[in-house]
Amino acid sequence: FAQENGTNLKLQAAIASRRVGDIQFHLGRIDEADKAYRKAIEFYEAAEVSGDDITKDLAVVEVYTQLVQVNARQGNMAVAMATQQKTRQIIERNPKLKSSEQGRYALAVLFNNL
C-alpha cells in the first residue's frame, strides 16, 4: 500500500508540475516553464506503473514535446532538435505506444512543433 501510494503521489506531483509548466509557458515565462516541465519529467520517471501501461510514456512524451517548444523559444534550436529526437526514441522503444492512436498523434504533434 505504501509503495502504491508513493507512486500515486509521484504521478500527482508530475501532473501538477506539468500544469505549472503549461501556465508559465502561456504567460510567457519560458525559463520557469522549462524548470516546471523538467521537474514533471523527474516525477514521471520516478513513478512506477505496470509494464503494459502506455500512460506514463505518453505523458513523458507530451512533456518533452512542450520542452521542444520551450527550447525553440529560448533560441536553443540544437537543444530543441536533440529533445525532439529523444522524445521520438521514447515512442519508438514502446511498441504499444508506437502503434496506438495516441502515440501516432503524439508523434505528429512532436514533428509539428519544430
N, C-alpha and C. Protein backbone atom coordinates (compact mmCIF):
# COMPACT_ATOMS: atom_id res chain seq x y z
N PHE A 1 0.82 -1.20 0.00
CA PHE A 1 0.00 0.00 0.00
C PHE A 1 0.86 1.26 0.00
N ALA A 2 1.90 1.27 0.83
CA ALA A 2 2.76 2.45 0.90
C ALA A 2 3.46 2.71 -0.43
N GLN A 3 3.92 1.64 -1.08
CA GLN A 3 4.58 1.80 -2.37
C GLN A 3 3.60 2.33 -3.41
N GLU A 4 2.40 1.78 -3.42
CA GLU A 4 1.37 2.23 -4.37
C GLU A 4 1.02 3.69 -4.12
N ASN A 5 0.90 4.07 -2.85
CA ASN A 5 0.60 5.45 -2.50
C ASN A 5 1.73 6.38 -2.92
N GLY A 6 2.99 5.95 -2.74
CA GLY A 6 4.13 6.76 -3.15
C GLY A 6 4.16 6.99 -4.64
N THR A 7 3.85 5.93 -5.40
CA THR A 7 3.79 6.06 -6.86
C THR A 7 2.69 7.02 -7.27
N ASN A 8 1.54 6.89 -6.62
CA ASN A 8 0.43 7.78 -6.92
C ASN A 8 0.79 9.23 -6.63
N LEU A 9 1.48 9.46 -5.53
CA LEU A 9 1.91 10.82 -5.20
C LEU A 9 2.89 11.37 -6.23
N LYS A 10 3.79 10.52 -6.72
CA LYS A 10 4.73 10.96 -7.75
C LYS A 10 4.00 11.32 -9.04
N LEU A 11 3.00 10.51 -9.39
CA LEU A 11 2.22 10.82 -10.59
C LEU A 11 1.44 12.12 -10.41
N GLN A 12 0.86 12.32 -9.24
CA GLN A 12 0.13 13.56 -8.98
C GLN A 12 1.07 14.77 -9.01
N ALA A 13 2.26 14.60 -8.45
CA ALA A 13 3.25 15.69 -8.48
C ALA A 13 3.68 15.99 -9.92
N ALA A 14 3.82 14.95 -10.73
CA ALA A 14 4.18 15.13 -12.14
C ALA A 14 3.10 15.91 -12.88
N ILE A 15 1.85 15.53 -12.65
CA ILE A 15 0.72 16.21 -13.30
C ILE A 15 0.67 17.67 -12.87
N ALA A 16 0.87 17.91 -11.57
CA ALA A 16 0.85 19.29 -11.07
C ALA A 16 1.99 20.12 -11.66
N SER A 17 3.18 19.54 -11.72
CA SER A 17 4.33 20.27 -12.29
C SER A 17 4.11 20.57 -13.76
N ARG A 18 3.50 19.63 -14.46
CA ARG A 18 3.21 19.87 -15.87
C ARG A 18 2.22 21.02 -16.04
N ARG A 19 1.21 21.05 -15.19
CA ARG A 19 0.23 22.15 -15.26
C ARG A 19 0.90 23.49 -14.98
N VAL A 20 1.79 23.51 -14.00
CA VAL A 20 2.53 24.74 -13.71
C VAL A 20 3.33 25.15 -14.94
N GLY A 21 3.98 24.18 -15.58
CA GLY A 21 4.74 24.48 -16.80
C GLY A 21 3.86 25.05 -17.89
N ASP A 22 2.68 24.46 -18.07
CA ASP A 22 1.74 24.96 -19.08
C ASP A 22 1.34 26.41 -18.80
N ILE A 23 1.03 26.68 -17.54
CA ILE A 23 0.64 28.04 -17.16
C ILE A 23 1.79 29.02 -17.39
N GLN A 24 2.97 28.65 -16.95
CA GLN A 24 4.14 29.52 -17.13
C GLN A 24 4.40 29.77 -18.61
N PHE A 25 4.28 28.72 -19.42
CA PHE A 25 4.51 28.84 -20.85
C PHE A 25 3.53 29.84 -21.47
N HIS A 26 2.25 29.70 -21.11
CA HIS A 26 1.24 30.59 -21.68
C HIS A 26 1.36 32.02 -21.18
N LEU A 27 1.99 32.19 -20.02
CA LEU A 27 2.24 33.54 -19.51
C LEU A 27 3.52 34.14 -20.08
N GLY A 28 4.24 33.34 -20.88
CA GLY A 28 5.48 33.83 -21.47
C GLY A 28 6.69 33.71 -20.56
N ARG A 29 6.54 33.01 -19.46
CA ARG A 29 7.64 32.81 -18.51
C ARG A 29 8.36 31.51 -18.89
N ILE A 30 9.14 31.61 -19.93
CA ILE A 30 9.72 30.43 -20.57
C ILE A 30 10.71 29.71 -19.66
N ASP A 31 11.56 30.44 -18.96
CA ASP A 31 12.53 29.79 -18.08
C ASP A 31 11.83 29.02 -16.95
N GLU A 32 10.76 29.62 -16.40
CA GLU A 32 10.02 28.95 -15.34
C GLU A 32 9.28 27.72 -15.89
N ALA A 33 8.78 27.83 -17.11
CA ALA A 33 8.12 26.69 -17.74
C ALA A 33 9.11 25.55 -17.93
N ASP A 34 10.31 25.89 -18.36
CA ASP A 34 11.36 24.90 -18.55
C ASP A 34 11.62 24.13 -17.25
N LYS A 35 11.75 24.86 -16.16
CA LYS A 35 12.01 24.22 -14.85
C LYS A 35 10.85 23.32 -14.44
N ALA A 36 9.63 23.79 -14.62
CA ALA A 36 8.46 23.01 -14.22
C ALA A 36 8.33 21.74 -15.06
N TYR A 37 8.56 21.85 -16.36
CA TYR A 37 8.48 20.67 -17.23
C TYR A 37 9.56 19.65 -16.87
N ARG A 38 10.75 20.11 -16.59
CA ARG A 38 11.83 19.19 -16.21
C ARG A 38 11.52 18.50 -14.88
N LYS A 39 10.91 19.23 -13.96
CA LYS A 39 10.51 18.63 -12.69
C LYS A 39 9.42 17.58 -12.93
N ALA A 40 8.49 17.88 -13.83
CA ALA A 40 7.43 16.90 -14.16
C ALA A 40 8.03 15.62 -14.70
N ILE A 41 9.02 15.75 -15.57
CA ILE A 41 9.67 14.56 -16.14
C ILE A 41 10.35 13.76 -15.03
N GLU A 42 11.01 14.44 -14.09
CA GLU A 42 11.64 13.73 -12.97
C GLU A 42 10.61 12.91 -12.20
N PHE A 43 9.47 13.52 -11.90
CA PHE A 43 8.43 12.81 -11.16
C PHE A 43 7.87 11.64 -11.96
N TYR A 44 7.61 11.85 -13.26
CA TYR A 44 7.10 10.75 -14.08
C TYR A 44 8.09 9.60 -14.12
N GLU A 45 9.37 9.91 -14.28
CA GLU A 45 10.38 8.85 -14.38
C GLU A 45 10.55 8.11 -13.06
N ALA A 46 10.28 8.78 -11.93
CA ALA A 46 10.40 8.14 -10.62
C ALA A 46 9.19 7.25 -10.30
N ALA A 47 8.08 7.51 -10.95
CA ALA A 47 6.86 6.73 -10.70
C ALA A 47 6.94 5.40 -11.44
N GLU A 48 6.47 4.37 -10.80
CA GLU A 48 6.44 3.04 -11.41
C GLU A 48 5.01 2.69 -11.74
N VAL A 49 4.80 2.26 -12.98
CA VAL A 49 3.47 1.81 -13.41
C VAL A 49 3.63 0.43 -14.05
N SER A 50 2.51 -0.22 -14.28
CA SER A 50 2.58 -1.56 -14.87
C SER A 50 3.21 -1.49 -16.26
N GLY A 51 3.91 -2.56 -16.63
CA GLY A 51 4.66 -2.60 -17.89
C GLY A 51 3.82 -2.43 -19.14
N ASP A 52 2.54 -2.80 -19.07
CA ASP A 52 1.68 -2.72 -20.25
C ASP A 52 1.04 -1.36 -20.43
N ASP A 53 1.18 -0.50 -19.47
CA ASP A 53 0.52 0.80 -19.50
C ASP A 53 1.34 1.79 -20.32
N ILE A 54 0.69 2.42 -21.30
CA ILE A 54 1.37 3.43 -22.13
C ILE A 54 1.21 4.84 -21.56
N THR A 55 0.40 4.97 -20.52
CA THR A 55 0.06 6.28 -19.99
C THR A 55 1.28 7.08 -19.56
N LYS A 56 2.19 6.44 -18.83
CA LYS A 56 3.36 7.15 -18.33
C LYS A 56 4.25 7.62 -19.49
N ASP A 57 4.56 6.71 -20.42
CA ASP A 57 5.40 7.11 -21.56
C ASP A 57 4.72 8.19 -22.39
N LEU A 58 3.42 8.09 -22.57
CA LEU A 58 2.69 9.10 -23.32
C LEU A 58 2.79 10.46 -22.63
N ALA A 59 2.63 10.47 -21.31
CA ALA A 59 2.73 11.73 -20.56
C ALA A 59 4.14 12.32 -20.67
N VAL A 60 5.16 11.47 -20.58
CA VAL A 60 6.55 11.94 -20.71
C VAL A 60 6.77 12.52 -22.11
N VAL A 61 6.26 11.85 -23.13
CA VAL A 61 6.37 12.35 -24.50
C VAL A 61 5.71 13.73 -24.63
N GLU A 62 4.54 13.87 -24.04
CA GLU A 62 3.84 15.15 -24.13
C GLU A 62 4.61 16.27 -23.43
N VAL A 63 5.23 15.97 -22.29
CA VAL A 63 6.01 16.99 -21.58
C VAL A 63 7.27 17.33 -22.38
N TYR A 64 7.95 16.31 -22.91
CA TYR A 64 9.13 16.58 -23.74
C TYR A 64 8.75 17.40 -24.97
N THR A 65 7.57 17.16 -25.53
CA THR A 65 7.12 17.94 -26.68
C THR A 65 6.99 19.41 -26.29
N GLN A 66 6.51 19.67 -25.10
CA GLN A 66 6.44 21.05 -24.62
C GLN A 66 7.84 21.63 -24.44
N LEU A 67 8.77 20.79 -23.97
CA LEU A 67 10.15 21.25 -23.82
C LEU A 67 10.77 21.62 -25.16
N VAL A 68 10.39 20.92 -26.22
CA VAL A 68 10.88 21.29 -27.56
C VAL A 68 10.47 22.72 -27.87
N GLN A 69 9.21 23.05 -27.58
CA GLN A 69 8.74 24.42 -27.82
C GLN A 69 9.49 25.42 -26.94
N VAL A 70 9.71 25.07 -25.69
CA VAL A 70 10.43 25.94 -24.77
C VAL A 70 11.84 26.20 -25.29
N ASN A 71 12.54 25.12 -25.66
CA ASN A 71 13.90 25.27 -26.18
C ASN A 71 13.93 26.14 -27.42
N ALA A 72 12.96 25.97 -28.30
CA ALA A 72 12.90 26.77 -29.53
C ALA A 72 12.67 28.25 -29.19
N ARG A 73 11.77 28.50 -28.26
CA ARG A 73 11.51 29.89 -27.86
C ARG A 73 12.72 30.54 -27.19
N GLN A 74 13.53 29.71 -26.53
CA GLN A 74 14.74 30.23 -25.90
C GLN A 74 15.86 30.44 -26.92
N GLY A 75 15.62 30.02 -28.16
CA GLY A 75 16.63 30.15 -29.20
C GLY A 75 17.63 29.01 -29.21
N ASN A 76 17.35 27.97 -28.46
CA ASN A 76 18.24 26.80 -28.38
C ASN A 76 17.79 25.73 -29.37
N MET A 77 17.96 25.98 -30.64
CA MET A 77 17.46 25.07 -31.67
C MET A 77 18.17 23.72 -31.63
N ALA A 78 19.46 23.70 -31.34
CA ALA A 78 20.18 22.43 -31.26
C ALA A 78 19.63 21.58 -30.12
N VAL A 79 19.34 22.22 -28.99
CA VAL A 79 18.76 21.50 -27.85
C VAL A 79 17.35 21.05 -28.18
N ALA A 80 16.58 21.90 -28.85
CA ALA A 80 15.23 21.54 -29.25
C ALA A 80 15.23 20.32 -30.16
N MET A 81 16.15 20.29 -31.10
CA MET A 81 16.22 19.15 -32.03
C MET A 81 16.67 17.88 -31.30
N ALA A 82 17.59 18.01 -30.36
CA ALA A 82 18.04 16.85 -29.58
C ALA A 82 16.90 16.33 -28.70
N THR A 83 16.13 17.24 -28.12
CA THR A 83 14.99 16.84 -27.29
C THR A 83 13.93 16.17 -28.15
N GLN A 84 13.73 16.67 -29.35
CA GLN A 84 12.78 16.05 -30.27
C GLN A 84 13.21 14.62 -30.60
N GLN A 85 14.48 14.42 -30.85
CA GLN A 85 15.00 13.08 -31.16
C GLN A 85 14.84 12.15 -29.97
N LYS A 86 15.15 12.64 -28.78
CA LYS A 86 15.00 11.83 -27.56
C LYS A 86 13.53 11.43 -27.38
N THR A 87 12.64 12.35 -27.64
CA THR A 87 11.21 12.09 -27.49
C THR A 87 10.75 11.04 -28.50
N ARG A 88 11.23 11.14 -29.70
CA ARG A 88 10.89 10.14 -30.71
C ARG A 88 11.37 8.75 -30.28
N GLN A 89 12.53 8.67 -29.67
CA GLN A 89 13.06 7.39 -29.21
C GLN A 89 12.18 6.78 -28.12
N ILE A 90 11.59 7.61 -27.28
CA ILE A 90 10.68 7.10 -26.25
C ILE A 90 9.49 6.42 -26.92
N ILE A 91 8.97 7.04 -27.96
CA ILE A 91 7.84 6.44 -28.69
C ILE A 91 8.28 5.16 -29.37
N GLU A 92 9.43 5.19 -30.01
CA GLU A 92 9.92 4.03 -30.77
C GLU A 92 10.19 2.81 -29.89
N ARG A 93 10.64 3.02 -28.66
CA ARG A 93 11.01 1.88 -27.81
C ARG A 93 9.80 1.23 -27.12
N ASN A 94 8.64 1.85 -27.24
CA ASN A 94 7.43 1.30 -26.64
C ASN A 94 6.47 0.89 -27.77
N PRO A 95 6.48 -0.39 -28.15
CA PRO A 95 5.67 -0.83 -29.29
C PRO A 95 4.18 -0.54 -29.14
N LYS A 96 3.66 -0.67 -27.92
CA LYS A 96 2.24 -0.38 -27.71
C LYS A 96 1.94 1.09 -27.92
N LEU A 97 2.83 1.95 -27.44
CA LEU A 97 2.64 3.38 -27.65
C LEU A 97 2.79 3.73 -29.12
N LYS A 98 3.80 3.18 -29.74
CA LYS A 98 4.08 3.47 -31.15
C LYS A 98 2.90 3.11 -32.06
N SER A 99 2.24 2.00 -31.75
CA SER A 99 1.15 1.55 -32.61
C SER A 99 -0.22 2.10 -32.20
N SER A 100 -0.27 2.79 -31.06
CA SER A 100 -1.56 3.32 -30.59
C SER A 100 -1.91 4.62 -31.31
N GLU A 101 -3.19 4.92 -31.30
CA GLU A 101 -3.66 6.17 -31.88
C GLU A 101 -3.04 7.36 -31.14
N GLN A 102 -2.97 7.25 -29.80
CA GLN A 102 -2.40 8.34 -29.01
C GLN A 102 -0.91 8.53 -29.32
N GLY A 103 -0.20 7.44 -29.51
CA GLY A 103 1.22 7.52 -29.83
C GLY A 103 1.47 8.15 -31.19
N ARG A 104 0.66 7.76 -32.18
CA ARG A 104 0.81 8.35 -33.52
C ARG A 104 0.47 9.84 -33.49
N TYR A 105 -0.55 10.20 -32.72
CA TYR A 105 -0.90 11.61 -32.60
C TYR A 105 0.22 12.39 -31.91
N ALA A 106 0.76 11.82 -30.83
CA ALA A 106 1.85 12.48 -30.11
C ALA A 106 3.06 12.69 -31.01
N LEU A 107 3.35 11.71 -31.86
CA LEU A 107 4.47 11.85 -32.80
C LEU A 107 4.19 12.96 -33.81
N ALA A 108 2.95 13.04 -34.30
CA ALA A 108 2.60 14.10 -35.24
C ALA A 108 2.74 15.49 -34.59
N VAL A 109 2.28 15.61 -33.36
CA VAL A 109 2.38 16.88 -32.63
C VAL A 109 3.86 17.23 -32.43
N LEU A 110 4.66 16.24 -32.06
CA LEU A 110 6.09 16.45 -31.87
C LEU A 110 6.74 17.02 -33.11
N PHE A 111 6.46 16.43 -34.27
CA PHE A 111 7.06 16.90 -35.51
C PHE A 111 6.51 18.24 -35.95
N ASN A 112 5.29 18.56 -35.54
CA ASN A 112 4.67 19.81 -35.91
C ASN A 112 5.21 20.97 -35.07
N ASN A 113 5.84 20.68 -33.94
CA ASN A 113 6.26 21.73 -33.02
C ASN A 113 7.61 22.35 -33.35
N LEU A 114 8.32 21.83 -34.32
CA LEU A 114 9.64 22.39 -34.60
C LEU A 114 9.78 22.73 -36.05
